[in-house]
PDB file of N, CA and C in Angstrom:
ATOM      1  N   MET A   1      83.452  50.992 138.167  1.00  0.00           N
ATOM      2  CA  MET A   1      84.360  51.865 137.386  1.00  0.00           C
ATOM      3  C   MET A   1      83.774  52.742 136.351  1.00  0.00           C
ATOM      4  N   MET A   2      84.657  53.917 136.375  1.00  0.00           N
ATOM      5  CA  MET A   2      84.111  55.011 135.459  1.00  0.00           C
ATOM      6  C   MET A   2      84.334  54.697 133.683  1.00  0.00           C
ATOM      7  N   LEU A   3      85.188  53.733 133.758  1.00  0.00           N
ATOM      8  CA  LEU A   3      85.323  53.149 132.103  1.00  0.00           C
ATOM      9  C   LEU A   3      84.025  52.081 131.861  1.00  0.00           C
ATOM     10  N   ASP A   4      83.796  51.100 133.043  1.00  0.00           N
ATOM     11  CA  ASP A   4      82.559  50.693 132.025  1.00  0.00           C
ATOM     12  C   ASP A   4      81.095  51.576 132.183  1.00  0.00           C
ATOM     13  N   ALA A   5      81.177  52.408 133.232  1.00  0.00           N
ATOM     14  CA  ALA A   5      79.852  53.598 132.875  1.00  0.00           C
ATOM     15  C   ALA A   5      79.874  54.603 131.667  1.00  0.00           C
ATOM     16  N   VAL A   6      80.735  54.462 130.875  1.00  0.00           N
ATOM     17  CA  VAL A   6      81.227  55.175 129.790  1.00  0.00           C
ATOM     18  C   VAL A   6      80.893  54.234 128.453  1.00  0.00           C
ATOM     19  N   GLN A   7      81.153  52.783 128.638  1.00  0.00           N
ATOM     20  CA  GLN A   7      80.918  51.984 127.898  1.00  0.00           C
ATOM     21  C   GLN A   7      79.307  51.491 127.416  1.00  0.00           C
ATOM     22  N   LYS A   8      78.408  51.748 128.243  1.00  0.00           N
ATOM     23  CA  LYS A   8      77.214  52.095 128.163  1.00  0.00           C
ATOM     24  C   LYS A   8      76.642  52.956 127.027  1.00  0.00           C
ATOM     25  N   PHE A   9      77.315  54.040 127.204  1.00  0.00           N
ATOM     26  CA  PHE A   9      76.897  54.897 126.173  1.00  0.00           C
ATOM     27  C   PHE A   9      77.478  55.442 125.311  1.00  0.00           C
ATOM     28  N   GLN A  10      78.476  54.358 124.774  1.00  0.00           N
ATOM     29  CA  GLN A  10      79.013  53.957 123.362  1.00  0.00           C
ATOM     30  C   GLN A  10      77.766  54.647 122.398  1.00  0.00           C
ATOM     31  N   LYS A  11      76.669  53.462 122.329  1.00  0.00           N
ATOM     32  CA  LYS A  11      75.919  53.744 120.697  1.00  0.00           C
ATOM     33  C   LYS A  11      75.157  55.466 120.925  1.00  0.00           C
ATOM     34  N   THR A  12      75.210  55.766 122.305  1.00  0.00           N
ATOM     35  CA  THR A  12      74.676  57.095 122.311  1.00  0.00           C
ATOM     36  C   THR A  12      75.572  58.204 121.650  1.00  0.00           C
ATOM     37  N   PHE A  13      76.987  58.361 122.233  1.00  0.00           N
ATOM     38  CA  PHE A  13      77.797  59.526 121.573  1.00  0.00           C
ATOM     39  C   PHE A  13      77.874  58.873 120.243  1.00  0.00           C
ATOM     40  N   VAL A  14      77.705  57.851 119.597  1.00  0.00           N
ATOM     41  CA  VAL A  14      78.094  57.855 117.965  1.00  0.00           C
ATOM     42  C   VAL A  14      76.237  58.341 117.327  1.00  0.00           C
ATOM     43  N   ARG A  15      75.765  57.744 118.136  1.00  0.00           N
ATOM     44  CA  ARG A  15      74.402  58.125 117.761  1.00  0.00           C
ATOM     45  C   ARG A  15      74.050  60.090 117.364  1.00  0.00           C
ATOM     46  N   TYR A  16      74.830  60.316 118.586  1.00  0.00           N
ATOM     47  CA  TYR A  16      74.334  62.086 118.469  1.00  0.00           C
ATOM     48  C   TYR A  16      75.294  62.893 117.704  1.00  0.00           C
ATOM     49  N   CYS A  17      76.467  62.220 116.944  1.00  0.00           N
ATOM     50  CA  CYS A  17      76.919  62.574 116.210  1.00  0.00           C
ATOM     51  C   CYS A  17      75.928  62.541 114.807  1.00  0.00           C
ATOM     52  N   ASP A  18      75.497  61.620 114.623  1.00  0.00           N
ATOM     53  CA  ASP A  18      74.674  61.281 113.546  1.00  0.00           C
ATOM     54  C   ASP A  18      73.339  62.802 113.858  1.00  0.00           C
ATOM     55  N   ILE A  19      72.600  62.437 114.721  1.00  0.00           N
ATOM     56  CA  ILE A  19      71.482  63.654 114.500  1.00  0.00           C
ATOM     57  C   ILE A  19      72.042  64.848 114.924  1.00  0.00           C
ATOM     58  N   ASP A  20      72.586  65.616 115.585  1.00  0.00           N
ATOM     59  CA  ASP A  20      73.314  66.440 115.660  1.00  0.00           C
ATOM     60  C   ASP A  20      74.556  66.638 115.074  1.00  0.00           C
ATOM     61  N   PRO A  21      74.628  67.614 113.424  1.00  0.00           N
ATOM     62  CA  PRO A  21      75.821  67.739 112.555  1.00  0.00           C
ATOM     63  C   PRO A  21      77.006  68.852 113.020  1.00  0.00           C
ATOM     64  N   PHE A  22      76.282  70.344 114.086  1.00  0.00           N
ATOM     65  CA  PHE A  22      77.177  70.832 114.696  1.00  0.00           C
ATOM     66  C   PHE A  22      77.929  70.208 115.969  1.00  0.00           C
ATOM     67  N   PHE A  23      77.784  69.165 116.440  1.00  0.00           N
ATOM     68  CA  PHE A  23      78.271  68.300 117.631  1.00  0.00           C
ATOM     69  C   PHE A  23      79.698  68.390 117.879  1.00  0.00           C
ATOM     70  N   VAL A  24      80.158  67.882 116.631  1.00  0.00           N
ATOM     71  CA  VAL A  24      81.572  67.635 116.691  1.00  0.00           C
ATOM     72  C   VAL A  24      82.058  69.177 115.982  1.00  0.00           C
ATOM     73  N   GLY A  25      81.317  70.628 116.243  1.00  0.00           N
ATOM     74  CA  GLY A  25      82.131  71.674 115.751  1.00  0.00           C
ATOM     75  C   GLY A  25      81.959  72.249 117.241  1.00  0.00           C
ATOM     76  N   LYS A  26      80.920  71.790 117.577  1.00  0.00           N
ATOM     77  CA  LYS A  26      80.960  72.283 119.167  1.00  0.00           C
ATOM     78  C   LYS A  26      81.860  71.695 120.248  1.00  0.00           C
ATOM     79  N   LEU A  27      82.748  70.836 119.684  1.00  0.00           N
ATOM     80  CA  LEU A  27      83.311  70.243 120.352  1.00  0.00           C
ATOM     81  C   LEU A  27      84.843  71.195 120.027  1.00  0.00           C
ATOM     82  N   SER A  28      84.484  71.710 119.111  1.00  0.00           N
ATOM     83  CA  SER A  28      86.186  71.668 118.836  1.00  0.00           C
ATOM     84  C   SER A  28      86.203  73.327 118.791  1.00  0.00           C
ATOM     85  N   SER A  29      84.714  74.105 119.019  1.00  0.00           N
ATOM     86  CA  SER A  29      84.746  75.338 119.218  1.00  0.00           C
ATOM     87  C   SER A  29      85.054  75.806 120.544  1.00  0.00           C
ATOM     88  N   SER A  30      85.274  74.761 121.375  1.00  0.00           N
ATOM     89  CA  SER A  30      85.177  75.116 122.827  1.00  0.00           C
ATOM     90  C   SER A  30      86.277  74.913 123.496  1.00  0.00           C
ATOM     91  N   LYS A  31      86.534  75.458 124.850  1.00  0.00           N
ATOM     92  CA  LYS A  31      87.417  75.260 125.117  1.00  0.00           C
ATOM     93  C   LYS A  31      88.734  74.072 124.932  1.00  0.00           C
ATOM     94  N   SER A  32      89.590  74.112 124.425  1.00  0.00           N
ATOM     95  CA  SER A  32      90.216  72.701 123.906  1.00  0.00           C
ATOM     96  C   SER A  32      90.909  71.991 124.880  1.00  0.00           C
ATOM     97  N   ALA A  33      91.087  70.866 125.153  1.00  0.00           N
ATOM     98  CA  ALA A  33      92.637  70.501 126.247  1.00  0.00           C
ATOM     99  C   ALA A  33      93.682  70.008 125.134  1.00  0.00           C
ATOM    100  N   TYR A  34      94.595  70.166 125.620  1.00  0.00           N
ATOM    101  CA  TYR A  34      95.987  69.965 125.080  1.00  0.00           C
ATOM    102  C   TYR A  34      96.701  69.272 125.834  1.00  0.00           C
ATOM    103  N   ILE A  35      97.440  68.420 125.632  1.00  0.00           N
ATOM    104  CA  ILE A  35      98.693  67.503 126.130  1.00  0.00           C
ATOM    105  C   ILE A  35      99.994  68.079 125.680  1.00  0.00           C
ATOM    106  N   THR A  36     101.099  67.857 126.216  1.00  0.00           N
ATOM    107  CA  THR A  36     102.095  68.097 125.405  1.00  0.00           C
ATOM    108  C   THR A  36     103.068  67.284 125.825  1.00  0.00           C
ATOM    109  N   GLN A  37     104.224  66.825 124.903  1.00  0.00           N
ATOM    110  CA  GLN A  37     105.235  65.319 124.816  1.00  0.00           C
ATOM    111  C   GLN A  37     106.232  65.943 126.597  1.00  0.00           C
ATOM    112  N   ASP A  38     106.084  67.198 126.910  1.00  0.00           N
ATOM    113  CA  ASP A  38     106.742  67.077 128.135  1.00  0.00           C
ATOM    114  C   ASP A  38     106.752  68.485 128.881  1.00  0.00           C
ATOM    115  N   GLU A  39     106.987  68.799 129.813  1.00  0.00           N
ATOM    116  CA  GLU A  39     106.377  70.166 130.681  1.00  0.00           C
ATOM    117  C   GLU A  39     107.121  71.205 129.943  1.00  0.00           C
ATOM    118  N   ASN A  40     108.414  71.164 129.198  1.00  0.00           N
ATOM    119  CA  ASN A  40     108.643  72.683 129.464  1.00  0.00           C
ATOM    120  C   ASN A  40     108.782  72.663 127.468  1.00  0.00           C
ATOM    121  N   SER A  41     107.875  71.767 126.743  1.00  0.00           N
ATOM    122  CA  SER A  41     107.533  71.957 125.797  1.00  0.00           C
ATOM    123  C   SER A  41     106.352  73.133 125.401  1.00  0.00           C
ATOM    124  N   ILE A  42     106.225  74.176 124.627  1.00  0.00           N
ATOM    125  CA  ILE A  42     104.914  74.594 124.419  1.00  0.00           C
ATOM    126  C   ILE A  42     104.300  74.598 123.192  1.00  0.00           C
ATOM    127  N   GLY A  43     105.494  74.183 122.127  1.00  0.00           N
ATOM    128  CA  GLY A  43     105.105  74.165 120.871  1.00  0.00           C
ATOM    129  C   GLY A  43     104.351  72.844 120.058  1.00  0.00           C
ATOM    130  N   ASN A  44     105.138  71.531 120.906  1.00  0.00           N
ATOM    131  CA  ASN A  44     104.392  70.483 120.571  1.00  0.00           C
ATOM    132  C   ASN A  44     103.195  70.115 121.036  1.00  0.00           C
ATOM    133  N   GLN A  45     102.364  70.754 121.016  1.00  0.00           N
ATOM    134  CA  GLN A  45     100.504  70.634 122.030  1.00  0.00           C
ATOM    135  C   GLN A  45      99.870  70.132 120.820  1.00  0.00           C
ATOM    136  N   VAL A  46      99.138  69.124 121.497  1.00  0.00           N
ATOM    137  CA  VAL A  46      97.912  68.152 120.577  1.00  0.00           C
ATOM    138  C   VAL A  46      96.679  68.781 121.235  1.00  0.00           C
ATOM    139  N   ASP A  47      95.863  68.657 120.299  1.00  0.00           N
ATOM    140  CA  ASP A  47      94.219  68.722 120.698  1.00  0.00           C
ATOM    141  C   ASP A  47      93.431  67.551 121.028  1.00  0.00           C
ATOM    142  N   VAL A  48      93.576  67.049 122.013  1.00  0.00           N
ATOM    143  CA  VAL A  48      92.780  66.189 121.925  1.00  0.00           C
ATOM    144  C   VAL A  48      90.945  66.449 122.414  1.00  0.00           C
ATOM    145  N   THR A  49      90.793  67.502 122.127  1.00  0.00           N
ATOM    146  CA  THR A  49      88.870  67.301 122.115  1.00  0.00           C
ATOM    147  C   THR A  49      88.889  67.112 120.664  1.00  0.00           C
ATOM    148  N   ARG A  50      87.659  65.884 120.392  1.00  0.00           N
ATOM    149  CA  ARG A  50      87.378  65.316 119.353  1.00  0.00           C
ATOM    150  C   ARG A  50      86.848  64.205 119.936  1.00  0.00           C
ATOM    151  N   VAL A  51      85.695  64.040 119.155  1.00  0.00           N
ATOM    152  CA  VAL A  51      84.826  62.714 119.184  1.00  0.00           C
ATOM    153  C   VAL A  51      85.333  61.009 119.308  1.00  0.00           C
ATOM    154  N   LEU A  52      85.062  60.293 120.135  1.00  0.00           N
ATOM    155  CA  LEU A  52      86.220  59.277 120.106  1.00  0.00           C
ATOM    156  C   LEU A  52      85.614  58.781 118.985  1.00  0.00           C
ATOM    157  N   ASN A  53      85.911  57.767 118.598  1.00  0.00           N
ATOM    158  CA  ASN A  53      85.911  56.609 117.041  1.00  0.00           C
ATOM    159  C   ASN A  53      86.413  55.318 117.289  1.00  0.00           C
ATOM    160  N   ARG A  54      86.100  54.237 116.849  1.00  0.00           N
ATOM    161  CA  ARG A  54      85.859  53.309 117.178  1.00  0.00           C
ATOM    162  C   ARG A  54      87.593  52.472 117.613  1.00  0.00           C
ATOM    163  N   PHE A  55      88.500  53.082 117.112  1.00  0.00           N
ATOM    164  CA  PHE A  55      89.708  52.483 117.759  1.00  0.00           C
ATOM    165  C   PHE A  55      89.719  53.052 119.403  1.00  0.00           C
ATOM    166  N   ASP A  56      89.279  54.247 119.698  1.00  0.00           N
ATOM    167  CA  ASP A  56      89.469  54.616 120.836  1.00  0.00           C
ATOM    168  C   ASP A  56      88.038  53.940 122.029  1.00  0.00           C
ATOM    169  N   TRP A  57      87.127  53.771 121.483  1.00  0.00           N
ATOM    170  CA  TRP A  57      86.395  52.667 122.139  1.00  0.00           C
ATOM    171  C   TRP A  57      87.036  51.492 122.140  1.00  0.00           C
ATOM    172  N   LYS A  58      87.888  51.152 121.432  1.00  0.00           N
ATOM    173  CA  LYS A  58      88.484  49.478 121.593  1.00  0.00           C
ATOM    174  C   LYS A  58      89.376  49.545 122.866  1.00  0.00           C
ATOM    175  N   ASN A  59      90.176  51.144 123.034  1.00  0.00           N
ATOM    176  CA  ASN A  59      90.952  51.013 124.046  1.00  0.00           C
ATOM    177  C   ASN A  59      90.507  50.715 125.352  1.00  0.00           C
ATOM    178  N   ILE A  60      89.796  51.895 125.223  1.00  0.00           N
ATOM    179  CA  ILE A  60      88.614  51.951 126.719  1.00  0.00           C
ATOM    180  C   ILE A  60      88.685  50.331 127.296  1.00  0.00           C
ATOM    181  N   ILE A  61      87.588  49.435 125.867  1.00  0.00           N
ATOM    182  CA  ILE A  61      87.036  48.481 126.154  1.00  0.00           C
ATOM    183  C   ILE A  61      88.829  47.721 127.224  1.00  0.00           C
ATOM    184  N   ARG A  62      89.907  47.761 126.264  1.00  0.00           N
ATOM    185  CA  ARG A  62      91.236  46.973 126.661  1.00  0.00           C
ATOM    186  C   ARG A  62      91.277  47.934 127.990  1.00  0.00           C
ATOM    187  N   LEU A  63      91.735  49.066 128.308  1.00  0.00           N
ATOM    188  CA  LEU A  63      92.036  49.584 129.395  1.00  0.00           C
ATOM    189  C   LEU A  63      90.915  49.143 130.559  1.00  0.00           C
ATOM    190  N   SER A  64      90.100  48.952 130.058  1.00  0.00           N
ATOM    191  CA  SER A  64      88.823  48.640 131.165  1.00  0.00           C
ATOM    192  C   SER A  64      89.743  47.647 132.245  1.00  0.00           C
ATOM    193  N   ARG A  65      89.496  46.472 131.062  1.00  0.00           N
ATOM    194  CA  ARG A  65      89.439  45.070 131.472  1.00  0.00           C
ATOM    195  C   ARG A  65      90.865  44.820 131.964  1.00  0.00           C
ATOM    196  N   PHE A  66      91.722  45.398 131.616  1.00  0.00           N
ATOM    197  CA  PHE A  66      93.313  45.932 132.126  1.00  0.00           C
ATOM    198  C   PHE A  66      93.195  46.041 133.824  1.00  0.00           C
ATOM    199  N   LEU A  67      92.048  47.376 133.864  1.00  0.00           N
ATOM    200  CA  LEU A  67      92.323  47.915 135.589  1.00  0.00           C
ATOM    201  C   LEU A  67      91.446  46.940 136.355  1.00  0.00           C
ATOM    202  N   LYS A  68      90.676  46.199 135.419  1.00  0.00           N
ATOM    203  CA  LYS A  68      89.819  45.544 136.432  1.00  0.00           C
ATOM    204  C   LYS A  68      89.988  44.204 137.428  1.00  0.00           C
ATOM    205  N   ASN A  69      91.358  43.940 136.800  1.00  0.00           N
ATOM    206  CA  ASN A  69      91.931  42.920 136.969  1.00  0.00           C
ATOM    207  C   ASN A  69      92.683  43.280 138.374  1.00  0.00           C
ATOM    208  N   PHE A  70      93.162  44.261 138.402  1.00  0.00           N
ATOM    209  CA  PHE A  70      94.165  45.184 139.380  1.00  0.00           C
ATOM    210  C   PHE A  70      92.882  45.250 140.547  1.00  0.00           C
ATOM    211  N   TYR A  71      91.918  46.147 140.187  1.00  0.00           N
ATOM    212  CA  TYR A  71      90.821  46.197 140.902  1.00  0.00           C
ATOM    213  C   TYR A  71      90.872  45.220 141.657  1.00  0.00           C
ATOM    214  N   ASN A  72      90.365  44.129 140.855  1.00  0.00           N
ATOM    215  CA  ASN A  72      89.397  42.866 141.670  1.00  0.00           C
ATOM    216  C   ASN A  72      90.852  41.888 142.710  1.00  0.00           C
ATOM    217  N   ASN A  73      91.777  42.206 142.449  1.00  0.00           N
ATOM    218  CA  ASN A  73      92.837  41.567 143.323  1.00  0.00           C
ATOM    219  C   ASN A  73      93.468  42.259 144.227  1.00  0.00           C
ATOM    220  N   ILE A  74      93.146  43.882 144.078  1.00  0.00           N
ATOM    221  CA  ILE A  74      93.174  44.302 145.629  1.00  0.00           C
ATOM    222  C   ILE A  74      91.881  44.253 146.539  1.00  0.00           C
ATOM    223  N   ILE A  75      90.920  44.125 146.333  1.00  0.00           N
ATOM    224  CA  ILE A  75      89.324  44.165 146.692  1.00  0.00           C
ATOM    225  C   ILE A  75      89.374  42.409 147.527  1.00  0.00           C
TER     226      ILE A  75
END
């Protein structure tokens, strides 16, 4: 699963932020990804381009465990 692969690189993302001080700036200056609350809403856009924090990593781990149960039951 993709989420399992990403978890292996958690420390790499954290270290890269420490080594390259411009990494966060490069993310925000690149073409940003936006999500909206609903399809017709233009003004309620939220920028989702940022560095993952520890809460994001915990959610990735939880989601991965949750989806792994479905994957194992299907196969």
